[in-house]
C-alpha atoms as a PDB file:
ATOM      1  CA  MET A   1     -11.256   0.857 -23.668  1.00  0.00           C
ATOM      2  CA  GLY A   2     -10.844  -2.500 -25.523  1.00  0.00           C
ATOM      3  CA  PRO A   3      -7.227  -4.515 -25.518  1.00  0.00           C
ATOM      4  CA  GLN A   4      -4.809  -2.278 -26.955  1.00  0.00           C
ATOM      5  CA  ILE A   5      -1.460  -4.143 -28.351  1.00  0.00           C
ATOM      6  CA  ARG A   6       1.337  -3.387 -30.839  1.00  0.00           C
ATOM      7  CA  ILE A   7       3.014  -6.354 -32.896  1.00  0.00           C
ATOM      8  CA  ILE A   8       6.322  -6.100 -33.657  1.00  0.00           C
ATOM      9  CA  THR A   9       7.172  -9.119 -35.046  1.00  0.00           C
ATOM     10  CA  SER A  10       4.938 -12.398 -35.479  1.00  0.00           C
ATOM     11  CA  GLU A  11       6.485 -13.270 -31.547  1.00  0.00           C
ATOM     12  CA  ILE A  12       6.508  -9.964 -30.144  1.00  0.00           C
ATOM     13  CA  CYS A  13       4.682  -6.733 -29.241  1.00  0.00           C
ATOM     14  CA  GLN A  14       4.158  -4.106 -26.994  1.00  0.00           C
ATOM     15  CA  VAL A  15       1.030  -4.312 -24.181  1.00  0.00           C
ATOM     16  CA  GLY A  16       1.797  -1.860 -21.843  1.00  0.00           C
ATOM     17  CA  GLY A  17       2.951   2.210 -21.755  1.00  0.00           C
ATOM     18  CA  PRO A  18       1.117   5.599 -21.898  1.00  0.00           C
ATOM     19  CA  GLY A  19      -2.149   5.134 -24.554  1.00  0.00           C
ATOM     20  CA  GLN A  20      -2.484   1.546 -23.488  1.00  0.00           C
ATOM     21  CA  THR A  21      -2.505   1.422 -20.212  1.00  0.00           C
ATOM     22  CA  ASP A  22      -1.411   3.518 -17.575  1.00  0.00           C
ATOM     23  CA  GLN A  23       0.099   7.222 -18.219  1.00  0.00           C
ATOM     24  CA  SER A  24       3.027   6.241 -15.443  1.00  0.00           C
ATOM     25  CA  ASP A  25       3.993   3.285 -17.285  1.00  0.00           C
ATOM     26  CA  ALA A  26       6.889   2.677 -19.257  1.00  0.00           C
ATOM     27  CA  ALA A  27       6.613   0.531 -22.292  1.00  0.00           C
ATOM     28  CA  ILE A  28       5.952  -3.191 -21.616  1.00  0.00           C
ATOM     29  CA  TYR A  29       6.718  -5.267 -24.034  1.00  0.00           C
ATOM     30  CA  LEU A  30       6.137  -9.531 -24.392  1.00  0.00           C
ATOM     31  CA  VAL A  31       8.172 -12.158 -26.280  1.00  0.00           C
ATOM     32  CA  HIS A  32       6.095 -15.267 -26.782  1.00  0.00           C
ATOM     33  CA  PHE A  33       8.076 -18.342 -28.069  1.00  0.00           C
ATOM     34  CA  ALA A  34       6.284 -21.004 -28.892  1.00  0.00           C
ATOM     35  CA  ASP A  35       4.091 -21.905 -25.916  1.00  0.00           C
ATOM     36  CA  SER A  36       6.247 -19.792 -23.350  1.00  0.00           C
ATOM     37  CA  ALA A  37       6.300 -16.226 -23.149  1.00  0.00           C
ATOM     38  CA  ALA A  38       8.559 -13.487 -21.303  1.00  0.00           C
ATOM     39  CA  LEU A  39       7.108  -9.909 -19.858  1.00  0.00           C
ATOM     40  CA  ILE A  40       9.997  -6.983 -20.315  1.00  0.00           C
ATOM     41  CA  ASP A  41       9.523  -4.577 -17.478  1.00  0.00           C
ATOM     42  CA  ALA A  42       6.221  -4.486 -15.233  1.00  0.00           C
ATOM     43  CA  GLY A  43       5.263  -1.061 -15.499  1.00  0.00           C
ATOM     44  CA  SER A  44       4.111   1.000 -12.269  1.00  0.00           C
ATOM     45  CA  GLY A  45       1.287  -1.323 -11.060  1.00  0.00           C
ATOM     46  CA  ARG A  46      -1.388   1.061 -11.460  1.00  0.00           C
ATOM     47  CA  ALA A  47      -3.111  -0.156 -14.720  1.00  0.00           C
ATOM     48  CA  SER A  48      -1.452  -4.143 -14.448  1.00  0.00           C
ATOM     49  CA  ASP A  49      -5.293  -5.764 -15.076  1.00  0.00           C
ATOM     50  CA  ARG A  50      -5.131  -3.959 -18.481  1.00  0.00           C
ATOM     51  CA  VAL A  51      -1.508  -5.019 -18.467  1.00  0.00           C
ATOM     52  CA  LEU A  52      -2.745  -8.606 -18.571  1.00  0.00           C
ATOM     53  CA  MET A  53      -5.859  -7.685 -20.507  1.00  0.00           C
ATOM     54  CA  ASN A  54      -3.452  -6.848 -23.483  1.00  0.00           C
ATOM     55  CA  ILE A  55      -1.363  -9.839 -22.500  1.00  0.00           C
ATOM     56  CA  GLU A  56      -4.542 -12.101 -23.588  1.00  0.00           C
ATOM     57  CA  ALA A  57      -5.238 -10.017 -26.296  1.00  0.00           C
ATOM     58  CA  ALA A  58      -2.349 -11.087 -27.523  1.00  0.00           C
ATOM     59  CA  GLY A  59      -2.920 -14.548 -27.356  1.00  0.00           C
ATOM     60  CA  VAL A  60      -0.604 -15.793 -24.097  1.00  0.00           C
ATOM     61  CA  LEU A  61      -2.367 -16.845 -21.269  1.00  0.00           C
ATOM     62  CA  PRO A  62      -0.618 -15.522 -17.917  1.00  0.00           C
ATOM     63  CA  GLU A  63       0.386 -18.664 -16.818  1.00  0.00           C
ATOM     64  CA  GLN A  64       2.456 -18.911 -20.395  1.00  0.00           C
ATOM     65  CA  VAL A  65       4.634 -16.414 -18.918  1.00  0.00           C
ATOM     66  CA  GLN A  66       8.092 -17.553 -17.736  1.00  0.00           C
ATOM     67  CA  TYR A  67      10.026 -14.940 -16.843  1.00  0.00           C
ATOM     68  CA  LEU A  68       9.512 -11.055 -15.877  1.00  0.00           C
ATOM     69  CA  LEU A  69      12.791  -9.133 -17.295  1.00  0.00           C
ATOM     70  CA  LEU A  70      13.379  -5.978 -15.370  1.00  0.00           C
ATOM     71  CA  THR A  71      15.539  -3.497 -16.928  1.00  0.00           C
ATOM     72  CA  HIS A  72      16.235  -1.504 -14.385  1.00  0.00           C
ATOM     73  CA  CYS A  73      14.714  -0.933 -10.939  1.00  0.00           C
ATOM     74  CA  HIS A  74      12.869   2.161 -11.823  1.00  0.00           C
ATOM     75  CA  TYR A  75       9.221   2.494 -10.488  1.00  0.00           C
ATOM     76  CA  ASP A  76       7.588   3.095 -14.031  1.00  0.00           C
ATOM     77  CA  HIS A  77       9.143  -0.113 -14.973  1.00  0.00           C
ATOM     78  CA  THR A  78       9.158  -2.506 -11.725  1.00  0.00           C
ATOM     79  CA  GLY A  79       6.027  -1.116  -9.757  1.00  0.00           C
ATOM     80  CA  GLY A  80       4.224  -4.030 -10.981  1.00  0.00           C
ATOM     81  CA  ALA A  81       6.261  -6.743 -10.606  1.00  0.00           C
ATOM     82  CA  ALA A  82       5.624  -7.781  -7.012  1.00  0.00           C
ATOM     83  CA  ALA A  83       1.862  -8.056  -7.865  1.00  0.00           C
ATOM     84  CA  PHE A  84       2.825 -10.290 -10.650  1.00  0.00           C
ATOM     85  CA  ARG A  85       5.307 -12.417  -8.891  1.00  0.00           C
ATOM     86  CA  GLN A  86       2.647 -13.057  -6.066  1.00  0.00           C
ATOM     87  CA  ARG A  87      -0.543 -14.105  -8.187  1.00  0.00           C
ATOM     88  CA  PHE A  88       1.009 -16.180 -11.124  1.00  0.00           C
ATOM     89  CA  GLY A  89       4.771 -16.998  -9.907  1.00  0.00           C
ATOM     90  CA  TRP A  90       6.485 -15.492 -12.790  1.00  0.00           C
ATOM     91  CA  ARG A  91      10.091 -15.600 -12.054  1.00  0.00           C
ATOM     92  CA  VAL A  92      11.295 -11.964 -11.589  1.00  0.00           C
ATOM     93  CA  ALA A  93      14.911 -11.315 -12.934  1.00  0.00           C
ATOM     94  CA  ILE A  94      17.334  -8.258 -12.804  1.00  0.00           C
ATOM     95  CA  HIS A  95      20.372  -6.839 -12.577  1.00  0.00           C
ATOM     96  CA  SER A  96      22.476  -7.882  -9.545  1.00  0.00           C
ATOM     97  CA  LEU A  97      23.446  -4.470  -8.857  1.00  0.00           C
ATOM     98  CA  GLU A  98      19.866  -3.607  -8.045  1.00  0.00           C
ATOM     99  CA  ALA A  99      18.311  -6.304  -6.647  1.00  0.00           C
ATOM    100  CA  THR A 100      18.406  -4.865  -3.191  1.00  0.00           C
ATOM    101  CA  ALA A 101      16.365  -1.759  -4.214  1.00  0.00           C
ATOM    102  CA  LEU A 102      13.526  -3.745  -5.645  1.00  0.00           C
ATOM    103  CA  GLU A 103      13.702  -6.523  -2.812  1.00  0.00           C
ATOM    104  CA  THR A 104      13.721  -3.599  -0.373  1.00  0.00           C
ATOM    105  CA  GLY A 105      11.110  -1.072  -1.860  1.00  0.00           C
ATOM    106  CA  ASP A 106      13.583   1.464  -2.167  1.00  0.00           C
ATOM    107  CA  ASN A 107      11.631   4.350  -3.080  1.00  0.00           C
ATOM    108  CA  LYS A 108      14.682   6.970  -3.288  1.00  0.00           C
ATOM    109  CA  LEU A 109      16.585   4.346  -5.806  1.00  0.00           C
ATOM    110  CA  SER A 110      13.383   3.622  -7.727  1.00  0.00           C
ATOM    111  CA  ALA A 111      12.364   6.956  -8.351  1.00  0.00           C
ATOM    112  CA  ALA A 112       8.903   5.837  -6.728  1.00  0.00           C
ATOM    113  CA  SER A 113       8.873   8.795  -4.676  1.00  0.00           C
ATOM    114  CA  TRP A 114       8.833  10.941  -8.177  1.00  0.00           C
ATOM    115  CA  TYR A 115       5.807   9.905  -9.022  1.00  0.00           C
ATOM    116  CA  GLY A 116       3.896  10.373  -5.619  1.00  0.00           C
ATOM    117  CA  ASP A 117       4.102   6.772  -4.645  1.00  0.00           C
ATOM    118  CA  HIS A 118       5.676   3.588  -2.653  1.00  0.00           C
ATOM    119  CA  LEU A 119       7.538   0.650  -4.775  1.00  0.00           C
ATOM    120  CA  ALA A 120       6.300  -2.548  -3.676  1.00  0.00           C
ATOM    121  CA  PRO A 121       8.711  -5.077  -2.305  1.00  0.00           C
ATOM    122  CA  CYS A 122       9.184  -7.556  -4.686  1.00  0.00           C
ATOM    123  CA  PRO A 123      11.573 -11.052  -4.423  1.00  0.00           C
ATOM    124  CA  VAL A 124      14.274 -11.437  -6.835  1.00  0.00           C
ATOM    125  CA  ASP A 125      14.484 -14.788  -8.762  1.00  0.00           C
ATOM    126  CA  LEU A 126      17.308 -14.196 -10.791  1.00  0.00           C
ATOM    127  CA  ARG A 127      20.076 -11.942 -10.488  1.00  0.00           C
ATOM    128  CA  LEU A 128      21.671 -11.287 -14.285  1.00  0.00           C
ATOM    129  CA  ALA A 129      24.742 -10.070 -14.930  1.00  0.00           C
ATOM    130  CA  ASP A 130      26.484  -9.010 -18.362  1.00  0.00           C
ATOM    131  CA  GLY A 131      26.753 -12.080 -20.841  1.00  0.00           C
ATOM    132  CA  ASP A 132      23.770 -14.474 -19.357  1.00  0.00           C
ATOM    133  CA  ARG A 133      21.648 -16.259 -21.611  1.00  0.00           C
ATOM    134  CA  ILE A 134      18.147 -16.850 -20.785  1.00  0.00           C
ATOM    135  CA  LEU A 135      16.544 -19.932 -22.222  1.00  0.00           C
ATOM    136  CA  LEU A 136      12.937 -19.628 -23.340  1.00  0.00           C
ATOM    137  CA  ALA A 137      11.295 -22.587 -25.349  1.00  0.00           C
ATOM    138  CA  GLU A 138      15.257 -23.256 -25.887  1.00  0.00           C
ATOM    139  CA  ARG A 139      15.598 -20.088 -27.789  1.00  0.00           C
ATOM    140  CA  GLU A 140      17.896 -17.505 -26.576  1.00  0.00           C
ATOM    141  CA  ILE A 141      17.764 -13.935 -24.943  1.00  0.00           C
ATOM    142  CA  GLN A 142      20.793 -12.100 -24.232  1.00  0.00           C
ATOM    143  CA  VAL A 143      21.380  -9.883 -21.029  1.00  0.00           C
ATOM    144  CA  ILE A 144      23.422  -6.802 -21.698  1.00  0.00           C
ATOM    145  CA  HIS A 145      24.742  -5.029 -19.012  1.00  0.00           C
ATOM    146  CA  ILE A 146      24.224  -1.066 -20.403  1.00  0.00           C
ATOM    147  CA  PRO A 147      25.169   1.218 -17.120  1.00  0.00           C
ATOM    148  CA  GLY A 148      24.523   4.740 -16.834  1.00  0.00           C
ATOM    149  CA  HIS A 149      21.275   6.072 -16.652  1.00  0.00           C
ATOM    150  CA  SER A 150      21.390   3.550 -13.074  1.00  0.00           C
ATOM    151  CA  PRO A 151      23.945   1.203 -12.531  1.00  0.00           C
ATOM    152  CA  GLY A 152      22.372  -1.865 -13.255  1.00  0.00           C
ATOM    153  CA  SER A 153      20.596  -1.099 -16.446  1.00  0.00           C
ATOM    154  CA  LEU A 154      19.828  -3.764 -18.581  1.00  0.00           C
ATOM    155  CA  ALA A 155      19.229  -4.430 -22.286  1.00  0.00           C
ATOM    156  CA  TYR A 156      17.821  -7.946 -23.992  1.00  0.00           C
ATOM    157  CA  LEU A 157      18.475  -8.942 -27.248  1.00  0.00           C
ATOM    158  CA  VAL A 158      16.610 -11.689 -29.106  1.00  0.00           C
ATOM    159  CA  GLU A 159      16.030 -12.575 -32.672  1.00  0.00           C
ATOM    160  CA  SER A 160      13.033 -13.073 -33.999  1.00  0.00           C
ATOM    161  CA  GLU A 161      11.984 -13.418 -37.751  1.00  0.00           C
ATOM    162  CA  GLY A 162      15.773 -13.150 -38.941  1.00  0.00           C
ATOM    163  CA  LYS A 163      15.632  -9.786 -37.156  1.00  0.00           C
ATOM    164  CA  ARG A 164      17.681  -8.599 -34.148  1.00  0.00           C
ATOM    165  CA  VAL A 165      15.800  -7.009 -31.691  1.00  0.00           C
ATOM    166  CA  LEU A 166      17.334  -5.277 -28.949  1.00  0.00           C
ATOM    167  CA  PHE A 167      14.912  -3.839 -25.717  1.00  0.00           C
ATOM    168  CA  ALA A 168      16.865  -1.040 -24.222  1.00  0.00           C
ATOM    169  CA  GLN A 169      14.669   0.693 -22.328  1.00  0.00           C
ATOM    170  CA  ASP A 170      16.313   4.373 -20.912  1.00  0.00           C
ATOM    171  CA  VAL A 171      18.253   4.883 -24.061  1.00  0.00           C
ATOM    172  CA  HIS A 172      17.366   8.585 -23.653  1.00  0.00           C
ATOM    173  CA  GLY A 173      18.415   8.642 -19.730  1.00  0.00           C
ATOM    174  CA  PRO A 174      18.294  11.038 -17.928  1.00  0.00           C
ATOM    175  CA  ILE A 175      21.422  11.473 -15.775  1.00  0.00           C
ATOM    176  CA  HIS A 176      20.694  12.001 -12.279  1.00  0.00           C
ATOM    177  CA  PRO A 177      22.741  12.020  -8.933  1.00  0.00           C
ATOM    178  CA  ALA A 178      19.416  10.783  -7.464  1.00  0.00           C
ATOM    179  CA  LEU A 179      19.425   8.026  -9.367  1.00  0.00           C
ATOM    180  CA  LEU A 180      23.356   7.293  -9.001  1.00  0.00           C
ATOM    181  CA  SER A 181      23.847   7.847 -12.691  1.00  0.00           C
ATOM    182  CA  ASN A 182      27.064   7.693 -14.482  1.00  0.00           C
ATOM    183  CA  ARG A 183      27.527  10.337 -17.498  1.00  0.00           C
ATOM    184  CA  ALA A 184      30.656   8.580 -18.261  1.00  0.00           C
ATOM    185  CA  ASP A 185      29.344   4.757 -18.232  1.00  0.00           C
ATOM    186  CA  TYR A 186      26.421   6.047 -20.024  1.00  0.00           C
ATOM    187  CA  GLN A 187      28.499   7.086 -23.224  1.00  0.00           C
ATOM    188  CA  ALA A 188      29.840   3.991 -23.096  1.00  0.00           C
ATOM    189  CA  SER A 189      26.599   1.897 -22.859  1.00  0.00           C
ATOM    190  CA  LEU A 190      25.225   4.330 -26.005  1.00  0.00           C
ATOM    191  CA  ARG A 191      28.383   3.381 -28.014  1.00  0.00           C
ATOM    192  CA  LYS A 192      28.128  -0.962 -26.759  1.00  0.00           C
ATOM    193  CA  LEU A 193      24.355  -0.678 -28.106  1.00  0.00           C
ATOM    194  CA  GLN A 194      25.472   0.656 -31.242  1.00  0.00           C
ATOM    195  CA  ALA A 195      27.612  -1.814 -32.015  1.00  0.00           C
ATOM    196  CA  LEU A 196      25.070  -4.619 -31.596  1.00  0.00           C
ATOM    197  CA  GLN A 197      23.471  -3.306 -35.515  1.00  0.00           C
ATOM    198  CA  ALA A 198      19.920  -4.032 -33.854  1.00  0.00           C
ATOM    199  CA  ASP A 199      17.345  -4.160 -36.449  1.00  0.00           C
ATOM    200  CA  ILE A 200      14.637  -3.020 -34.173  1.00  0.00           C
ATOM    201  CA  LEU A 201      14.891  -1.206 -30.952  1.00  0.00           C
ATOM    202  CA  CYS A 202      12.003  -1.526 -28.504  1.00  0.00           C
ATOM    203  CA  GLU A 203      12.838   1.675 -26.347  1.00  0.00           C
ATOM    204  CA  GLY A 204      10.822   2.243 -23.040  1.00  0.00           C
ATOM    205  CA  HIS A 205       9.722   5.696 -23.782  1.00  0.00           C
ATOM    206  CA  TYR A 206       9.863   6.433 -27.147  1.00  0.00           C
ATOM    207  CA  GLY A 207       8.590   4.065 -28.927  1.00  0.00           C
ATOM    208  CA  VAL A 208      10.129   1.308 -31.315  1.00  0.00           C
ATOM    209  CA  PHE A 209      12.691   2.025 -34.136  1.00  0.00           C
ATOM    210  CA  VAL A 210      12.632  -0.207 -37.202  1.00  0.00           C
ATOM    211  CA  GLY A 211      15.388  -0.541 -39.849  1.00  0.00           C
ATOM    212  CA  GLN A 212      19.280  -0.151 -38.591  1.00  0.00           C
ATOM    213  CA  ALA A 213      19.651   3.155 -39.875  1.00  0.00           C
ATOM    214  CA  ASN A 214      16.789   4.038 -37.597  1.00  0.00           C
ATOM    215  CA  VAL A 215      17.822   2.490 -34.858  1.00  0.00           C
ATOM    216  CA  ALA A 216      21.744   3.904 -34.988  1.00  0.00           C
ATOM    217  CA  ALA A 217      20.392   7.393 -35.292  1.00  0.00           C
ATOM    218  CA  PHE A 218      17.913   7.414 -32.562  1.00  0.00           C
ATOM    219  CA  ILE A 219      21.078   6.196 -30.177  1.00  0.00           C
ATOM    220  CA  ASP A 220      23.330   8.558 -31.795  1.00  0.00           C
ATOM    221  CA  GLY A 221      21.494  11.382 -30.876  1.00  0.00           C
ATOM    222  CA  PHE A 222      22.382  10.963 -27.079  1.00  0.00           C
ATOM    223  CA  VAL A 223      26.342  10.354 -28.096  1.00  0.00           C
ATOM    224  CA  GLU A 224      28.519  13.207 -26.827  1.00  0.00           C
ATOM    225  CA  ASP A 225      31.205  13.744 -29.180  1.00  0.00           C
END
Protein backbone atom coordinates (compact mmCIF):
# COMPACT_ATOMS: atom_id res chain seq x y z
CA MET A 1 0.00 0.00 0.00
CA GLY A 2 1.39 3.39 -1.02
CA PRO A 3 1.12 6.65 0.90
CA GLN A 4 -2.35 7.57 2.12
CA ILE A 5 -3.10 11.19 3.00
CA ARG A 6 -6.33 13.15 3.32
CA ILE A 7 -6.17 16.81 2.34
CA ILE A 8 -8.18 19.08 4.66
CA THR A 9 -6.81 22.47 3.59
CA SER A 10 -3.71 23.33 1.58
CA GLU A 11 -1.85 23.49 4.92
CA ILE A 12 -3.48 20.65 6.85
CA CYS A 13 -3.88 16.96 6.14
CA GLN A 14 -4.48 13.67 7.90
CA VAL A 15 -1.46 11.36 7.80
CA GLY A 16 -2.49 8.57 10.16
CA GLY A 17 -5.38 6.51 11.47
CA PRO A 18 -7.21 3.28 10.58
CA GLY A 19 -7.00 2.62 6.87
CA GLN A 20 -3.95 4.86 6.59
CA THR A 21 -1.45 3.46 9.07
CA ASP A 22 -2.64 1.00 11.75
CA GLN A 23 -6.01 0.08 13.24
CA SER A 24 -4.68 0.93 16.71
CA ASP A 25 -3.88 4.52 15.69
CA ALA A 26 -6.14 7.42 16.47
CA ALA A 27 -6.16 10.06 13.74
CA ILE A 28 -2.86 11.88 13.18
CA TYR A 29 -2.92 15.34 11.62
CA LEU A 30 -0.16 17.41 10.03
CA VAL A 31 -0.12 21.22 10.07
CA HIS A 32 2.34 22.78 7.61
CA PHE A 33 2.95 26.54 7.72
CA ALA A 34 5.72 27.87 5.43
CA ASP A 35 8.79 25.70 6.08
CA SER A 36 7.69 24.46 9.52
CA ALA A 37 5.27 21.74 10.56
CA ALA A 38 3.60 20.28 13.62
CA LEU A 39 2.19 16.79 14.05
CA ILE A 40 -0.93 16.43 16.16
CA ASP A 41 -0.78 13.10 17.97
CA ALA A 42 1.57 10.23 17.26
CA GLY A 43 -0.54 7.09 16.95
CA SER A 44 0.30 3.90 18.81
CA GLY A 45 3.76 3.53 17.32
CA ARG A 46 2.92 0.28 15.56
CA ALA A 47 3.14 1.87 12.09
CA SER A 48 5.41 4.86 12.56
CA ASP A 49 7.21 4.23 9.26
CA ARG A 50 3.88 4.56 7.46
CA VAL A 51 3.21 7.81 9.30
CA LEU A 52 6.56 9.13 8.12
CA MET A 53 5.86 7.99 4.56
CA ASN A 54 2.57 9.90 4.62
CA ILE A 55 4.24 13.01 6.07
CA GLU A 56 6.74 12.98 3.20
CA ALA A 57 3.94 12.35 0.68
CA ALA A 58 2.36 15.55 2.00
CA GLY A 59 5.51 17.41 1.02
CA VAL A 60 7.05 17.70 4.47
CA LEU A 61 10.42 16.35 5.55
CA PRO A 62 10.59 14.92 9.09
CA GLU A 63 13.28 17.51 9.86
CA GLN A 64 10.72 20.28 9.24
CA VAL A 65 8.45 19.05 12.04
CA GLN A 66 9.01 21.36 15.00
CA TYR A 67 6.41 20.04 17.43
CA LEU A 68 4.56 16.87 18.34
CA LEU A 69 1.38 18.26 19.89
CA LEU A 70 -0.38 15.60 21.93
CA THR A 71 -4.06 15.88 22.77
CA HIS A 72 -3.81 13.58 25.80
CA CYS A 73 -1.75 10.66 27.12
CA HIS A 74 -3.72 7.70 25.78
CA TYR A 75 -1.74 5.03 23.97
CA ASP A 76 -3.52 5.29 20.60
CA HIS A 77 -2.44 8.96 20.52
CA THR A 78 1.01 8.81 22.16
CA GLY A 79 2.53 5.35 21.70
CA GLY A 80 4.71 6.58 18.86
CA ALA A 81 5.91 9.73 20.62
CA ALA A 82 9.09 8.43 22.26
CA ALA A 83 10.50 6.99 19.05
CA PHE A 84 9.69 10.11 17.03
CA ARG A 85 11.32 12.36 19.63
CA GLN A 86 14.41 10.18 19.90
CA ARG A 87 14.85 9.89 16.14
CA PHE A 88 14.07 13.45 15.05
CA GLY A 89 14.16 15.65 18.14
CA TRP A 90 10.56 16.81 17.75
CA ARG A 91 9.49 18.87 20.76
CA VAL A 92 6.82 16.90 22.61
CA ALA A 93 3.98 18.94 24.11
CA ILE A 94 1.17 17.77 26.39
CA HIS A 95 -0.95 19.25 29.18
CA SER A 96 0.96 19.47 32.46
CA LEU A 97 -1.60 17.18 34.15
CA GLU A 98 -0.63 14.29 31.87
CA ALA A 99 3.10 14.88 31.46
CA THR A 100 4.03 12.46 34.25
CA ALA A 101 1.92 9.66 32.75
CA LEU A 102 3.79 10.06 29.46
CA GLU A 103 7.23 10.42 31.01
CA THR A 104 6.81 7.34 33.22
CA GLY A 105 5.04 5.20 30.62
CA ASP A 106 1.93 4.72 32.78
CA ASN A 107 0.19 1.74 31.17
CA LYS A 108 -2.98 2.18 33.20
CA LEU A 109 -3.65 5.90 32.71
CA SER A 110 -2.60 5.67 29.06
CA ALA A 111 -4.85 2.61 28.55
CA ALA A 112 -1.93 0.86 26.85
CA SER A 113 -2.96 -2.24 28.79
CA TRP A 114 -6.32 -2.14 26.95
CA TYR A 115 -4.30 -2.73 23.78
CA GLY A 116 -2.14 -5.46 25.30
CA ASP A 117 0.87 -3.21 25.03
CA HIS A 118 3.17 -0.89 26.97
CA LEU A 119 3.56 2.87 26.61
CA ALA A 120 7.16 3.80 25.85
CA PRO A 121 8.18 6.52 28.35
CA CYS A 122 8.71 9.84 26.57
CA PRO A 123 10.29 13.04 27.89
CA VAL A 124 8.04 16.10 27.70
CA ASP A 125 9.51 19.34 26.33
CA LEU A 126 6.46 21.59 26.74
CA ARG A 127 3.94 21.36 29.57
CA LEU A 128 0.88 23.13 28.24
CA ALA A 129 -2.04 24.93 29.87
CA ASP A 130 -5.28 26.48 28.70
CA GLY A 131 -4.72 29.66 26.74
CA ASP A 132 -1.14 28.92 25.70
CA ARG A 133 -0.08 29.91 22.20
CA ILE A 134 2.38 27.91 20.12
CA LEU A 135 4.10 29.77 17.29
CA LEU A 136 4.69 27.84 14.09
CA ALA A 137 6.31 29.91 11.32
CA GLU A 138 5.00 33.03 13.13
CA ARG A 139 1.42 31.68 13.05
CA GLU A 140 -0.47 30.84 16.22
CA ILE A 141 -1.76 27.49 17.38
CA GLN A 142 -4.15 28.06 20.29
CA VAL A 143 -4.16 25.58 23.18
CA ILE A 144 -7.55 24.81 24.77
CA HIS A 145 -7.98 22.65 27.88
CA ILE A 146 -11.00 20.35 27.53
CA PRO A 147 -10.94 18.01 30.55
CA GLY A 148 -13.45 15.21 30.88
CA HIS A 149 -12.36 12.24 28.80
CA SER A 150 -9.06 12.64 30.64
CA PRO A 151 -7.89 15.30 33.10
CA GLY A 152 -5.47 16.94 30.68
CA SER A 153 -7.26 16.57 27.37
CA LEU A 154 -6.37 19.39 24.97
CA ALA A 155 -7.74 20.78 21.75
CA TYR A 156 -5.74 22.88 19.30
CA LEU A 157 -7.20 25.67 17.16
CA VAL A 158 -5.61 27.16 14.04
CA GLU A 159 -6.73 29.32 11.16
CA SER A 160 -6.11 28.07 7.63
CA GLU A 161 -7.53 29.44 4.40
CA GLY A 162 -9.73 31.75 6.46
CA LYS A 163 -11.29 28.84 8.32
CA ARG A 164 -11.11 27.99 12.02
CA VAL A 165 -9.78 24.42 12.19
CA LEU A 166 -10.23 22.61 15.50
CA PHE A 167 -8.30 19.50 16.48
CA ALA A 168 -10.31 17.93 19.30
CA GLN A 169 -9.50 14.28 19.32
CA ASP A 170 -11.81 12.37 21.65
CA VAL A 171 -14.91 14.56 21.57
CA HIS A 172 -16.98 11.38 21.81
CA GLY A 173 -15.34 10.18 25.05
CA PRO A 174 -15.48 7.54 26.44
CA ILE A 175 -15.99 8.41 30.08
CA HIS A 176 -14.38 5.70 32.23
CA PRO A 177 -13.15 5.65 35.86
CA ALA A 178 -9.86 3.96 34.90
CA LEU A 179 -9.05 6.97 32.71
CA LEU A 180 -9.84 9.43 35.54
CA SER A 181 -12.68 10.73 33.40
CA ASN A 182 -15.09 13.29 34.81
CA ARG A 183 -18.57 13.55 33.33
CA ALA A 184 -19.31 17.08 34.58
CA ASP A 185 -16.00 18.36 33.19
CA TYR A 186 -16.68 16.55 29.93
CA GLN A 187 -20.07 18.21 29.50
CA ALA A 188 -18.56 21.63 30.25
CA SER A 189 -15.81 20.97 27.71
CA LEU A 190 -18.33 20.06 25.01
CA ARG A 191 -20.01 23.42 25.53
CA LYS A 192 -16.62 25.13 25.41
CA LEU A 193 -15.93 23.47 22.06
CA GLN A 194 -19.34 24.51 20.74
CA ALA A 195 -18.63 28.14 21.63
CA LEU A 196 -15.53 28.15 19.40
CA GLN A 197 -17.76 27.91 16.30
CA ALA A 198 -15.13 26.02 14.34
CA ASP A 199 -15.50 25.66 10.57
CA ILE A 200 -13.70 22.32 10.49
CA LEU A 201 -13.38 19.70 13.24
CA CYS A 202 -10.62 17.10 13.03
CA GLU A 203 -11.67 14.37 15.48
CA GLY A 204 -9.66 11.39 16.64
CA HIS A 205 -11.92 8.49 15.69
CA TYR A 206 -14.92 9.84 13.77
CA GLY A 207 -13.14 11.70 10.98
CA VAL A 208 -13.28 15.27 9.73
CA PHE A 209 -16.40 17.45 9.89
CA VAL A 210 -16.61 20.40 7.49
CA GLY A 211 -18.95 23.35 7.99
CA GLN A 212 -20.06 24.95 11.25
CA ALA A 213 -23.42 23.19 11.19
CA ASN A 214 -21.81 19.73 10.80
CA VAL A 215 -19.28 20.45 13.52
CA ALA A 216 -21.98 21.69 15.89
CA ALA A 217 -24.24 18.71 15.17
CA PHE A 218 -21.49 16.22 15.93
CA ILE A 219 -20.52 17.83 19.24
CA ASP A 220 -24.17 18.32 20.19
CA GLY A 221 -24.73 14.59 19.84
CA PHE A 222 -22.79 14.08 23.08
CA VAL A 223 -24.24 16.99 25.08
CA GLU A 224 -26.67 15.95 27.81
CA ASP A 225 -29.67 18.19 28.45
